[in-house]
Amino acid sequence: HRHAAASYIDTPHDVLPVDGSRLATITGVGRFAVNSRHRQGVTTVGPSARVAALSDDGLVEALEVPDRRFAIGTQWHPEFRAMDNPDSVKLFTAFGNAVRAYAMARGKTLRTVA
């Protein structure tokens, strides 16, 4: 698919998390809208990675590395207008929780940024 609008923030399309993926668990939905304007895509998934989401036309939209604590890569920009997208909020919340768990497991404390 092509995203040729002037601003990819305003060029939404749906992605479908793959059943059993960490992304599917985090979002808890079968599909959600993301912003996008990319000119490249994933053609070969590395041996340690797996597809985590696809677009309606079958392009890989997210990858993850299952044997890592938190390794999710997206073709969209969840940071843009994140607070307007509940699925982006879920993704960033999961990342923050993973960071805190990692720090706590090492006896560290993280200060909260408000």
Protein backbone atom coordinates (compact mmCIF):
# COMPACT_ATOMS: atom_id res chain seq x y z
CA HIS A 1 0.00 0.00 0.00
CA ARG A 2 1.05 3.61 -0.44
CA HIS A 3 0.60 6.51 1.91
CA ALA A 4 1.07 9.64 -0.15
CA ALA A 5 -0.72 12.26 1.94
CA ALA A 6 1.21 15.31 3.06
CA SER A 7 1.30 14.19 6.67
CA TYR A 8 1.65 10.56 7.71
CA ILE A 9 0.22 11.52 11.08
CA ASP A 10 -3.07 12.04 9.27
CA THR A 11 -2.83 8.96 7.01
CA PRO A 12 -4.36 6.17 9.05
CA HIS A 13 -4.79 2.56 8.05
CA ASP A 14 -5.59 -0.54 10.02
CA VAL A 15 -3.16 -3.16 11.27
CA LEU A 16 -4.09 -6.61 12.45
CA PRO A 17 -2.04 -8.01 15.34
CA VAL A 18 -1.09 -11.65 14.83
CA ASP A 19 -2.80 -14.02 17.26
CA GLY A 20 -0.44 -15.03 20.05
CA SER A 21 1.92 -12.11 19.51
CA ARG A 22 2.97 -9.85 22.36
CA LEU A 23 1.47 -6.93 20.43
CA ALA A 24 -1.90 -8.72 20.30
CA THR A 25 -1.72 -9.31 24.05
CA ILE A 26 -0.81 -5.68 24.74
CA THR A 27 -3.51 -4.13 22.58
CA GLY A 28 -6.19 -6.71 23.27
CA VAL A 29 -7.87 -5.92 19.95
CA GLY A 30 -8.15 -7.63 16.59
CA ARG A 31 -7.38 -4.51 14.59
CA PHE A 32 -6.54 -0.89 15.20
CA ALA A 33 -5.72 2.24 13.22
CA VAL A 34 -2.16 3.55 12.94
CA ASN A 35 -0.53 6.46 11.16
CA SER A 36 1.76 5.58 8.33
CA ARG A 37 3.73 6.87 5.43
CA HIS A 38 6.53 4.50 4.65
CA ARG A 39 8.34 3.70 1.44
CA GLN A 40 9.97 0.50 2.58
CA GLY A 41 8.77 -2.72 4.07
CA VAL A 42 9.89 -6.00 5.52
CA THR A 43 10.43 -8.76 2.97
CA THR A 44 12.43 -11.21 5.08
CA VAL A 45 11.97 -11.76 8.79
CA GLY A 46 15.14 -12.72 10.65
CA PRO A 47 15.37 -16.09 12.39
CA SER A 48 14.92 -14.68 15.92
CA ALA A 49 12.03 -12.37 15.00
CA ARG A 50 8.41 -13.02 14.15
CA VAL A 51 5.65 -11.02 12.50
CA ALA A 52 3.49 -9.27 15.10
CA ALA A 53 1.06 -7.35 12.85
CA LEU A 54 0.01 -7.13 9.22
CA SER A 55 -1.89 -4.60 7.15
CA ASP A 56 -5.05 -5.54 5.28
CA ASP A 57 -2.96 -6.04 2.13
CA GLY A 58 -0.56 -8.42 3.87
CA LEU A 59 2.43 -6.15 4.46
CA VAL A 60 4.37 -6.63 7.68
CA GLU A 61 3.56 -3.74 10.01
CA ALA A 62 5.24 -4.94 13.22
CA LEU A 63 7.89 -7.41 14.31
CA GLU A 64 8.86 -8.74 17.70
CA VAL A 65 11.62 -10.86 19.17
CA PRO A 66 9.94 -13.38 21.46
CA ASP A 67 13.01 -14.38 23.46
CA ARG A 68 13.68 -10.79 24.58
CA ARG A 69 11.95 -9.05 27.47
CA PHE A 70 10.53 -6.35 25.24
CA ALA A 71 11.48 -6.05 21.59
CA ILE A 72 8.71 -4.76 19.31
CA GLY A 73 9.35 -2.79 16.14
CA THR A 74 6.64 -1.00 14.17
CA GLN A 75 6.37 0.47 10.69
CA TRP A 76 4.17 3.24 12.08
CA HIS A 77 4.98 5.99 14.57
CA PRO A 78 3.16 5.28 17.86
CA GLU A 79 4.78 8.37 19.41
CA PHE A 80 2.88 10.78 17.15
CA ARG A 81 -0.39 11.80 18.78
CA ALA A 82 0.07 8.91 21.17
CA MET A 83 -2.39 10.28 23.69
CA ASP A 84 -5.09 10.32 21.00
CA ASN A 85 -4.64 6.61 20.28
CA PRO A 86 -5.49 4.18 23.09
CA ASP A 87 -3.48 1.41 21.41
CA SER A 88 -0.34 3.60 21.42
CA VAL A 89 -0.95 4.32 25.10
CA LYS A 90 -1.17 0.56 25.74
CA LEU A 91 2.10 -0.02 23.86
CA PHE A 92 3.98 2.69 25.77
CA THR A 93 2.49 1.55 29.08
CA ALA A 94 3.68 -2.00 28.40
CA PHE A 95 7.14 -0.70 27.54
CA GLY A 96 7.28 1.37 30.74
CA ASN A 97 6.18 -1.63 32.79
CA ALA A 98 8.89 -3.76 31.18
CA VAL A 99 11.52 -1.12 31.99
CA ARG A 100 10.38 -0.93 35.62
CA ALA A 101 10.36 -4.72 35.97
CA TYR A 102 13.87 -4.92 34.51
CA ALA A 103 15.14 -2.26 36.91
CA MET A 104 13.44 -3.81 39.94
CA ALA A 105 14.91 -7.22 39.11
CA ARG A 106 18.32 -5.57 39.41
CA GLY A 107 17.52 -3.81 42.67
CA LYS A 108 17.13 -0.40 41.02
CA THR A 109 14.36 2.09 41.44
CA LEU A 110 13.16 4.44 38.76
CA ARG A 111 11.71 7.80 39.45
CA THR A 112 8.34 8.52 37.98
CA VAL A 113 8.03 11.35 35.52
CA ALA A 114 4.69 13.11 35.70
